[in-house]
C-alpha atoms as a PDB file:
ATOM      1  CA  MET A   1      17.089 -40.532 -31.374  1.00  0.00           C
ATOM      2  CA  ALA A   2      13.443 -41.498 -30.835  1.00  0.00           C
ATOM      3  CA  ARG A   3      13.957 -41.307 -27.065  1.00  0.00           C
ATOM      4  CA  SER A   4      15.492 -37.822 -27.415  1.00  0.00           C
ATOM      5  CA  ILE A   5      12.554 -36.613 -29.514  1.00  0.00           C
ATOM      6  CA  HIS A   6      10.101 -38.089 -27.007  1.00  0.00           C
ATOM      7  CA  TYR A   7      11.932 -36.342 -24.135  1.00  0.00           C
ATOM      8  CA  ARG A   8      11.854 -32.971 -25.876  1.00  0.00           C
ATOM      9  CA  ALA A   9       8.181 -33.392 -26.659  1.00  0.00           C
ATOM     10  CA  SER A  10       7.480 -34.163 -23.008  1.00  0.00           C
ATOM     11  CA  VAL A  11       9.378 -31.078 -21.868  1.00  0.00           C
ATOM     12  CA  PHE A  12       7.510 -28.891 -24.339  1.00  0.00           C
ATOM     13  CA  GLY A  13       4.244 -30.422 -23.166  1.00  0.00           C
ATOM     14  CA  VAL A  14       5.000 -29.615 -19.545  1.00  0.00           C
ATOM     15  CA  LEU A  15       6.021 -26.056 -20.429  1.00  0.00           C
ATOM     16  CA  ALA A  16       2.828 -25.587 -22.424  1.00  0.00           C
ATOM     17  CA  LEU A  17       0.775 -26.879 -19.511  1.00  0.00           C
ATOM     18  CA  LEU A  18       2.522 -24.527 -17.072  1.00  0.00           C
ATOM     19  CA  SER A  19       1.943 -21.615 -19.424  1.00  0.00           C
ATOM     20  CA  THR A  20      -1.746 -22.495 -19.698  1.00  0.00           C
ATOM     21  CA  VAL A  21      -2.082 -22.755 -15.910  1.00  0.00           C
ATOM     22  CA  ALA A  22      -0.396 -19.354 -15.521  1.00  0.00           C
ATOM     23  CA  ILE A  23      -2.831 -17.825 -18.023  1.00  0.00           C
ATOM     24  CA  TRP A  24      -5.799 -19.391 -16.238  1.00  0.00           C
ATOM     25  CA  SER A  25      -4.498 -18.147 -12.894  1.00  0.00           C
ATOM     26  CA  ALA A  26      -4.038 -14.609 -14.197  1.00  0.00           C
ATOM     27  CA  ALA A  27      -7.514 -14.680 -15.717  1.00  0.00           C
ATOM     28  CA  ALA A  28      -8.987 -15.862 -12.414  1.00  0.00           C
ATOM     29  CA  GLN A  29      -7.237 -13.009 -10.587  1.00  0.00           C
ATOM     30  CA  ASP A  30      -8.541 -10.486 -13.110  1.00  0.00           C
ATOM     31  CA  ALA A  31     -12.052 -11.896 -12.720  1.00  0.00           C
ATOM     32  CA  ARG A  32     -11.874 -11.313  -8.959  1.00  0.00           C
ATOM     33  CA  ALA A  33     -10.714  -7.720  -9.331  1.00  0.00           C
ATOM     34  CA  PRO A  34     -13.442  -5.268  -8.325  1.00  0.00           C
ATOM     35  CA  ASP A  35     -14.498  -2.291 -10.402  1.00  0.00           C
ATOM     36  CA  TYR A  36     -12.181   0.293  -8.851  1.00  0.00           C
ATOM     37  CA  GLU A  37     -13.762   3.183 -10.724  1.00  0.00           C
ATOM     38  CA  ALA A  38     -17.153   2.177  -9.340  1.00  0.00           C
ATOM     39  CA  ILE A  39     -15.720   2.005  -5.813  1.00  0.00           C
ATOM     40  CA  VAL A  40     -14.447   5.563  -6.114  1.00  0.00           C
ATOM     41  CA  ALA A  41     -17.742   6.714  -7.627  1.00  0.00           C
ATOM     42  CA  ALA A  42     -19.863   5.194  -4.826  1.00  0.00           C
ATOM     43  CA  PRO A  43     -22.608   7.727  -3.996  1.00  0.00           C
ATOM     44  CA  ASP A  44     -22.158   7.411  -0.231  1.00  0.00           C
ATOM     45  CA  ARG A  45     -18.564   8.666  -0.252  1.00  0.00           C
ATOM     46  CA  SER A  46     -18.109  12.120   1.277  1.00  0.00           C
ATOM     47  CA  ASP A  47     -17.524  15.357  -0.615  1.00  0.00           C
ATOM     48  CA  ALA A  48     -14.286  15.841   1.325  1.00  0.00           C
ATOM     49  CA  ASP A  49     -13.001  12.480   0.090  1.00  0.00           C
ATOM     50  CA  ARG A  50     -13.931  13.383  -3.476  1.00  0.00           C
ATOM     51  CA  GLN A  51     -11.831  16.532  -3.138  1.00  0.00           C
ATOM     52  CA  THR A  52      -8.898  14.394  -2.017  1.00  0.00           C
ATOM     53  CA  ASP A  53      -9.485  12.090  -5.005  1.00  0.00           C
ATOM     54  CA  GLN A  54      -8.446  14.878  -7.347  1.00  0.00           C
ATOM     55  CA  ARG A  55      -4.809  14.620  -6.297  1.00  0.00           C
ATOM     56  CA  ARG A  56      -4.647  11.005  -5.093  1.00  0.00           C
ATOM     57  CA  GLN A  57      -6.089   9.170  -8.155  1.00  0.00           C
ATOM     58  CA  PRO A  58      -7.563   6.435  -5.944  1.00  0.00           C
ATOM     59  CA  ALA A  59      -8.860   4.157  -8.716  1.00  0.00           C
ATOM     60  CA  LYS A  60      -5.346   3.837 -10.123  1.00  0.00           C
ATOM     61  CA  MET A  61      -3.915   3.368  -6.651  1.00  0.00           C
ATOM     62  CA  LEU A  62      -6.387   0.616  -5.781  1.00  0.00           C
ATOM     63  CA  ALA A  63      -5.678  -1.134  -9.063  1.00  0.00           C
ATOM     64  CA  PHE A  64      -1.950  -0.917  -8.398  1.00  0.00           C
ATOM     65  CA  THR A  65      -2.345  -2.463  -4.937  1.00  0.00           C
ATOM     66  CA  GLY A  66      -4.350  -5.335  -6.391  1.00  0.00           C
ATOM     67  CA  ALA A  67      -6.813  -5.212  -3.480  1.00  0.00           C
ATOM     68  CA  ARG A  68      -9.496  -7.839  -4.042  1.00  0.00           C
ATOM     69  CA  PRO A  69     -12.509  -9.313  -2.244  1.00  0.00           C
ATOM     70  CA  GLY A  70     -11.598 -11.500   0.717  1.00  0.00           C
ATOM     71  CA  MET A  71      -8.114 -10.065   1.289  1.00  0.00           C
ATOM     72  CA  LYS A  72      -6.561  -9.347   4.688  1.00  0.00           C
ATOM     73  CA  VAL A  73      -5.013  -5.865   4.564  1.00  0.00           C
ATOM     74  CA  LEU A  74      -3.067  -3.652   6.966  1.00  0.00           C
ATOM     75  CA  ASP A  75      -3.276   0.097   6.347  1.00  0.00           C
ATOM     76  CA  MET A  76      -0.353   1.770   8.154  1.00  0.00           C
ATOM     77  CA  GLU A  77      -1.029   5.185   9.698  1.00  0.00           C
ATOM     78  CA  ALA A  78      -4.668   5.178   8.704  1.00  0.00           C
ATOM     79  CA  ASN A  79      -5.180   8.668  10.155  1.00  0.00           C
ATOM     80  CA  ALA A  80      -8.708   9.838   9.271  1.00  0.00           C
ATOM     81  CA  GLY A  81      -9.280   6.697   7.201  1.00  0.00           C
ATOM     82  CA  TYR A  82      -9.464   8.009   3.626  1.00  0.00           C
ATOM     83  CA  SER A  83      -7.479   5.080   2.186  1.00  0.00           C
ATOM     84  CA  THR A  84      -8.819   2.641   4.771  1.00  0.00           C
ATOM     85  CA  GLU A  85     -12.373   3.129   3.549  1.00  0.00           C
ATOM     86  CA  LEU A  86     -11.389   2.633  -0.085  1.00  0.00           C
ATOM     87  CA  LEU A  87      -9.533  -0.573   0.797  1.00  0.00           C
ATOM     88  CA  ALA A  88     -12.489  -1.786   2.862  1.00  0.00           C
ATOM     89  CA  ARG A  89     -14.765  -1.310  -0.131  1.00  0.00           C
ATOM     90  CA  ALA A  90     -12.299  -3.203  -2.344  1.00  0.00           C
ATOM     91  CA  VAL A  91     -11.899  -6.267  -0.094  1.00  0.00           C
ATOM     92  CA  GLY A  92     -15.626  -6.413   0.635  1.00  0.00           C
ATOM     93  CA  PRO A  93     -17.490  -8.061   3.504  1.00  0.00           C
ATOM     94  CA  ASP A  94     -15.426 -11.248   3.262  1.00  0.00           C
ATOM     95  CA  GLY A  95     -12.173  -9.334   3.713  1.00  0.00           C
ATOM     96  CA  VAL A  96     -10.756  -7.321   6.577  1.00  0.00           C
ATOM     97  CA  VAL A  97      -8.718  -4.129   6.871  1.00  0.00           C
ATOM     98  CA  TYR A  98      -6.626  -3.462   9.962  1.00  0.00           C
ATOM     99  CA  ALA A  99      -6.219   0.311  10.283  1.00  0.00           C
ATOM    100  CA  GLN A 100      -3.093   1.102  12.326  1.00  0.00           C
ATOM    101  CA  ASP A 101      -2.456   4.298  14.245  1.00  0.00           C
ATOM    102  CA  PRO A 102      -0.341   5.027  17.334  1.00  0.00           C
ATOM    103  CA  ALA A 103      -2.225   6.490  20.289  1.00  0.00           C
ATOM    104  CA  ALA A 104      -0.117   9.665  20.277  1.00  0.00           C
ATOM    105  CA  LEU A 105      -1.046  10.431  16.666  1.00  0.00           C
ATOM    106  CA  ILE A 106      -4.741   9.913  17.365  1.00  0.00           C
ATOM    107  CA  GLU A 107      -4.623  12.225  20.358  1.00  0.00           C
ATOM    108  CA  ARG A 108      -2.745  14.950  18.520  1.00  0.00           C
ATOM    109  CA  PHE A 109      -4.173  14.866  14.982  1.00  0.00           C
ATOM    110  CA  VAL A 110      -6.885  12.298  14.312  1.00  0.00           C
ATOM    111  CA  LYS A 111      -9.154  13.043  17.289  1.00  0.00           C
ATOM    112  CA  ASP A 112     -12.576  11.576  16.452  1.00  0.00           C
ATOM    113  CA  LYS A 113     -12.238  11.733  12.652  1.00  0.00           C
ATOM    114  CA  PHE A 114     -11.641   8.004  12.239  1.00  0.00           C
ATOM    115  CA  ASP A 115     -14.392   7.075  14.708  1.00  0.00           C
ATOM    116  CA  ILE A 116     -16.903   9.173  12.776  1.00  0.00           C
ATOM    117  CA  ARG A 117     -15.914   7.508   9.508  1.00  0.00           C
ATOM    118  CA  ALA A 118     -16.056   4.078  11.167  1.00  0.00           C
ATOM    119  CA  GLN A 119     -19.824   4.457  11.579  1.00  0.00           C
ATOM    120  CA  LYS A 120     -20.324   4.151   7.814  1.00  0.00           C
ATOM    121  CA  PRO A 121     -21.611   0.773   6.515  1.00  0.00           C
ATOM    122  CA  ALA A 122     -18.577   0.517   4.220  1.00  0.00           C
ATOM    123  CA  MET A 123     -16.337   0.349   7.314  1.00  0.00           C
ATOM    124  CA  LYS A 124     -17.934  -2.728   8.920  1.00  0.00           C
ATOM    125  CA  ASN A 125     -14.968  -4.903   7.948  1.00  0.00           C
ATOM    126  CA  VAL A 126     -12.383  -2.519   9.468  1.00  0.00           C
ATOM    127  CA  VAL A 127     -10.543  -3.071  12.749  1.00  0.00           C
ATOM    128  CA  HIS A 128      -8.863   0.020  14.204  1.00  0.00           C
ATOM    129  CA  VAL A 129      -5.522  -1.110  15.609  1.00  0.00           C
ATOM    130  CA  ILE A 130      -4.034   1.289  18.155  1.00  0.00           C
ATOM    131  CA  ARG A 131      -0.380   0.273  18.226  1.00  0.00           C
ATOM    132  CA  ASN A 132       3.007   1.949  17.956  1.00  0.00           C
ATOM    133  CA  PHE A 133       4.883   1.934  14.660  1.00  0.00           C
ATOM    134  CA  ASP A 134       7.638  -0.256  16.115  1.00  0.00           C
ATOM    135  CA  ASP A 135       5.110  -3.042  16.721  1.00  0.00           C
ATOM    136  CA  PRO A 136       2.148  -2.265  14.471  1.00  0.00           C
ATOM    137  CA  ILE A 137       0.553  -5.700  14.074  1.00  0.00           C
ATOM    138  CA  PRO A 138      -1.474  -7.469  16.788  1.00  0.00           C
ATOM    139  CA  PRO A 139       0.096 -10.816  17.786  1.00  0.00           C
ATOM    140  CA  ASP A 140      -2.965 -12.751  16.573  1.00  0.00           C
ATOM    141  CA  VAL A 141      -2.767 -11.262  13.051  1.00  0.00           C
ATOM    142  CA  SER A 142      -0.625 -12.962  10.405  1.00  0.00           C
ATOM    143  CA  GLY A 143      -0.752 -14.069   6.798  1.00  0.00           C
ATOM    144  CA  LEU A 144      -1.663 -10.639   5.470  1.00  0.00           C
ATOM    145  CA  ASP A 145      -2.195 -10.370   1.723  1.00  0.00           C
ATOM    146  CA  LEU A 146      -1.367  -6.672   1.518  1.00  0.00           C
ATOM    147  CA  ILE A 147       0.094  -3.818   3.542  1.00  0.00           C
ATOM    148  CA  THR A 148      -0.312  -0.205   2.463  1.00  0.00           C
ATOM    149  CA  PHE A 149       1.734   2.718   3.743  1.00  0.00           C
ATOM    150  CA  PHE A 150       0.518   5.865   2.018  1.00  0.00           C
ATOM    151  CA  PHE A 151       2.321   9.228   2.315  1.00  0.00           C
ATOM    152  CA  ALA A 152       3.355   8.689   5.922  1.00  0.00           C
ATOM    153  CA  TYR A 153       6.679   6.843   5.986  1.00  0.00           C
ATOM    154  CA  HIS A 154       8.429  10.216   5.998  1.00  0.00           C
ATOM    155  CA  ASP A 155       6.553  11.112   9.208  1.00  0.00           C
ATOM    156  CA  VAL A 156       7.955   8.084  10.991  1.00  0.00           C
ATOM    157  CA  THR A 157      11.533   9.206  10.288  1.00  0.00           C
ATOM    158  CA  TYR A 158      11.330  12.141  12.718  1.00  0.00           C
ATOM    159  CA  MET A 159       9.478  10.210  15.402  1.00  0.00           C
ATOM    160  CA  PRO A 160      11.134   8.036  18.079  1.00  0.00           C
ATOM    161  CA  VAL A 161      10.574   4.912  15.991  1.00  0.00           C
ATOM    162  CA  ASP A 162      12.889   1.996  15.263  1.00  0.00           C
ATOM    163  CA  ARG A 163      12.154   1.870  11.540  1.00  0.00           C
ATOM    164  CA  ALA A 164      14.235  -1.247  10.943  1.00  0.00           C
ATOM    165  CA  GLU A 165      12.123  -3.071  13.545  1.00  0.00           C
ATOM    166  CA  MET A 166       8.917  -1.692  12.044  1.00  0.00           C
ATOM    167  CA  ASP A 167       9.896  -2.864   8.573  1.00  0.00           C
ATOM    168  CA  LYS A 168      10.791  -6.331   9.880  1.00  0.00           C
ATOM    169  CA  LYS A 169       7.429  -6.596  11.629  1.00  0.00           C
ATOM    170  CA  MET A 170       5.598  -5.713   8.411  1.00  0.00           C
ATOM    171  CA  PHE A 171       7.651  -8.275   6.523  1.00  0.00           C
ATOM    172  CA  ALA A 172       6.866 -10.993   9.074  1.00  0.00           C
ATOM    173  CA  ALA A 173       3.129 -10.254   9.041  1.00  0.00           C
ATOM    174  CA  LEU A 174       2.768 -10.741   5.288  1.00  0.00           C
ATOM    175  CA  LYS A 175       2.145 -14.156   3.826  1.00  0.00           C
ATOM    176  CA  PRO A 176       4.813 -15.395   1.371  1.00  0.00           C
ATOM    177  CA  GLY A 177       4.079 -13.652  -1.912  1.00  0.00           C
ATOM    178  CA  GLY A 178       2.178 -10.860  -0.151  1.00  0.00           C
ATOM    179  CA  PHE A 179       2.702  -7.221  -1.087  1.00  0.00           C
ATOM    180  CA  LEU A 180       3.659  -3.933   0.543  1.00  0.00           C
ATOM    181  CA  VAL A 181       2.571  -0.880  -1.448  1.00  0.00           C
ATOM    182  CA  ILE A 182       4.221   2.304  -0.272  1.00  0.00           C
ATOM    183  CA  ALA A 183       3.864   5.847  -1.595  1.00  0.00           C
ATOM    184  CA  ASP A 184       5.378   9.108  -0.452  1.00  0.00           C
ATOM    185  CA  HIS A 185       6.355  12.654  -1.420  1.00  0.00           C
ATOM    186  CA  SER A 186       9.692  12.942  -3.229  1.00  0.00           C
ATOM    187  CA  ALA A 187      12.637  14.858  -1.797  1.00  0.00           C
ATOM    188  CA  ARG A 188      15.691  15.930  -3.767  1.00  0.00           C
ATOM    189  CA  PRO A 189      18.650  13.586  -4.253  1.00  0.00           C
ATOM    190  CA  GLY A 190      20.866  13.838  -1.194  1.00  0.00           C
ATOM    191  CA  ASP A 191      18.106  15.057   1.132  1.00  0.00           C
ATOM    192  CA  GLY A 192      17.533  11.621   2.654  1.00  0.00           C
ATOM    193  CA  THR A 193      15.248  12.074   5.672  1.00  0.00           C
ATOM    194  CA  SER A 194      16.563  15.539   6.597  1.00  0.00           C
ATOM    195  CA  VAL A 195      13.521  17.380   5.187  1.00  0.00           C
ATOM    196  CA  ALA A 196      10.869  14.956   6.425  1.00  0.00           C
ATOM    197  CA  LYS A 197       9.613  17.231   9.209  1.00  0.00           C
ATOM    198  CA  THR A 198       9.944  20.549   7.386  1.00  0.00           C
ATOM    199  CA  LEU A 199       8.914  19.650   3.833  1.00  0.00           C
ATOM    200  CA  HIS A 200       7.151  16.335   4.535  1.00  0.00           C
ATOM    201  CA  ARG A 201       9.252  14.636   1.909  1.00  0.00           C
ATOM    202  CA  ILE A 202      11.699  11.731   1.811  1.00  0.00           C
ATOM    203  CA  GLU A 203      14.339  10.789  -0.720  1.00  0.00           C
ATOM    204  CA  GLU A 204      13.093   7.777  -2.650  1.00  0.00           C
ATOM    205  CA  SER A 205      16.434   5.963  -2.602  1.00  0.00           C
ATOM    206  CA  THR A 206      16.582   6.250   1.202  1.00  0.00           C
ATOM    207  CA  LEU A 207      13.150   4.698   1.604  1.00  0.00           C
ATOM    208  CA  ARG A 208      14.009   1.926  -0.846  1.00  0.00           C
ATOM    209  CA  GLN A 209      17.166   1.041   1.067  1.00  0.00           C
ATOM    210  CA  GLU A 210      15.321   0.790   4.361  1.00  0.00           C
ATOM    211  CA  ILE A 211      12.472  -1.333   3.003  1.00  0.00           C
ATOM    212  CA  GLU A 212      14.760  -3.663   1.067  1.00  0.00           C
ATOM    213  CA  ALA A 213      16.975  -4.167   4.133  1.00  0.00           C
ATOM    214  CA  ALA A 214      13.989  -5.931   5.753  1.00  0.00           C
ATOM    215  CA  GLY A 215      13.877  -8.511   2.952  1.00  0.00           C
ATOM    216  CA  PHE A 216      11.308  -6.991   0.599  1.00  0.00           C
ATOM    217  CA  LYS A 217      11.886  -7.315  -3.156  1.00  0.00           C
ATOM    218  CA  LEU A 218      10.743  -4.591  -5.539  1.00  0.00           C
ATOM    219  CA  ALA A 219       7.977  -5.966  -7.764  1.00  0.00           C
ATOM    220  CA  SER A 220       6.879  -2.858  -9.688  1.00  0.00           C
ATOM    221  CA  GLU A 221       6.554   0.904  -9.534  1.00  0.00           C
ATOM    222  CA  ALA A 222       3.927   3.312 -10.825  1.00  0.00           C
ATOM    223  CA  GLU A 223       4.183   6.658 -12.578  1.00  0.00           C
ATOM    224  CA  PHE A 224       0.649   8.033 -12.195  1.00  0.00           C
ATOM    225  CA  LEU A 225       1.614  10.434  -9.357  1.00  0.00           C
ATOM    226  CA  ARG A 226       4.896  11.560 -10.874  1.00  0.00           C
ATOM    227  CA  HIS A 227       5.331  15.292 -11.535  1.00  0.00           C
ATOM    228  CA  PRO A 228       8.806  16.045 -12.886  1.00  0.00           C
ATOM    229  CA  GLU A 229       8.034  19.769 -12.849  1.00  0.00           C
ATOM    230  CA  ASP A 230       8.141  19.703  -9.038  1.00  0.00           C
ATOM    231  CA  PRO A 231      11.481  21.157  -7.812  1.00  0.00           C
ATOM    232  CA  ARG A 232      10.972  19.153  -4.586  1.00  0.00           C
ATOM    233  CA  ASP A 233      12.256  22.008  -2.436  1.00  0.00           C
ATOM    234  CA  ALA A 234       8.976  23.233  -0.898  1.00  0.00           C
ATOM    235  CA  PRO A 235       6.486  21.837   1.634  1.00  0.00           C
ATOM    236  CA  VAL A 236       3.864  19.535   0.146  1.00  0.00           C
ATOM    237  CA  PHE A 237       0.920  21.479   1.571  1.00  0.00           C
ATOM    238  CA  HIS A 238      -0.596  23.987  -0.875  1.00  0.00           C
ATOM    239  CA  PRO A 239       2.233  23.625  -3.411  1.00  0.00           C
ATOM    240  CA  ALA A 240       2.774  25.971  -6.338  1.00  0.00           C
ATOM    241  CA  VAL A 241       3.006  22.941  -8.656  1.00  0.00           C
ATOM    242  CA  PRO A 242       1.759  19.353  -8.198  1.00  0.00           C
ATOM    243  CA  VAL A 243       3.953  17.351  -5.833  1.00  0.00           C
ATOM    244  CA  ASP A 244       6.111  14.594  -7.280  1.00  0.00           C
ATOM    245  CA  GLU A 245       5.234  11.319  -5.559  1.00  0.00           C
ATOM    246  CA  PHE A 246       6.602   7.820  -5.974  1.00  0.00           C
ATOM    247  CA  VAL A 247       4.536   4.637  -5.672  1.00  0.00           C
ATOM    248  CA  LEU A 248       6.335   1.328  -5.111  1.00  0.00           C
ATOM    249  CA  LYS A 249       5.118  -2.255  -4.817  1.00  0.00           C
ATOM    250  CA  TYR A 250       7.287  -4.648  -2.824  1.00  0.00           C
ATOM    251  CA  GLN A 251       6.785  -8.381  -2.388  1.00  0.00           C
ATOM    252  CA  LYS A 252       7.696 -10.834   0.343  1.00  0.00           C
ATOM    253  CA  PRO A 253       9.471 -13.645  -1.543  1.00  0.00           C
ATOM    254  CA  LEU A 254       7.703 -17.006  -1.808  1.00  0.00           C
END
């Protein structure tokens, strides 16, 4: 009986220690988290970006990604670099953000917009990666802490891109326990990818299936860009009502 009591006490002691370590670890992570509201309020951000803030809620998005100083981040389809700059500010000078764009997209849409933004001091820790979606990560880059893919996965569905290969490459580039945060404009149930080019929307369940097929596990989802009043049957540009958007956080298993 005494041995049994001693065994149970030991087990409880170990569990208590593990719980304490978990609390300490969480506290340490919270202590490293930057002031996201202050990042968004930085006086050297452009007026155009502040206009975009009104619909993108960047402080909440940054907090949801968990971007912290020192992280290695890949920003898929960086485009003009709105999100890239915010991530660069969050990871700080000891971190790095790889901003991916295919050459064809730069030539057709981005032009010199990213290069102009890249001259800002806040962008010193950014590397512009000109690579196709099928193979978006340079061979010397691995162990990423975070990948972001904001409001552009739907675009890839009507391009000549092997999305399964793209998703596998993102999965491989993350360190175990690393995260993929992906957000996009909601389509109606049953629309799948059929309205991606016309409405710039994608059905959430379709995106989930594709991402999860690569091995990602859903960790959490956010509601701060949800708009149930959106009928999801109109293009996302200049909508009559706010666009319903989903925000998902996936993790590469440990």
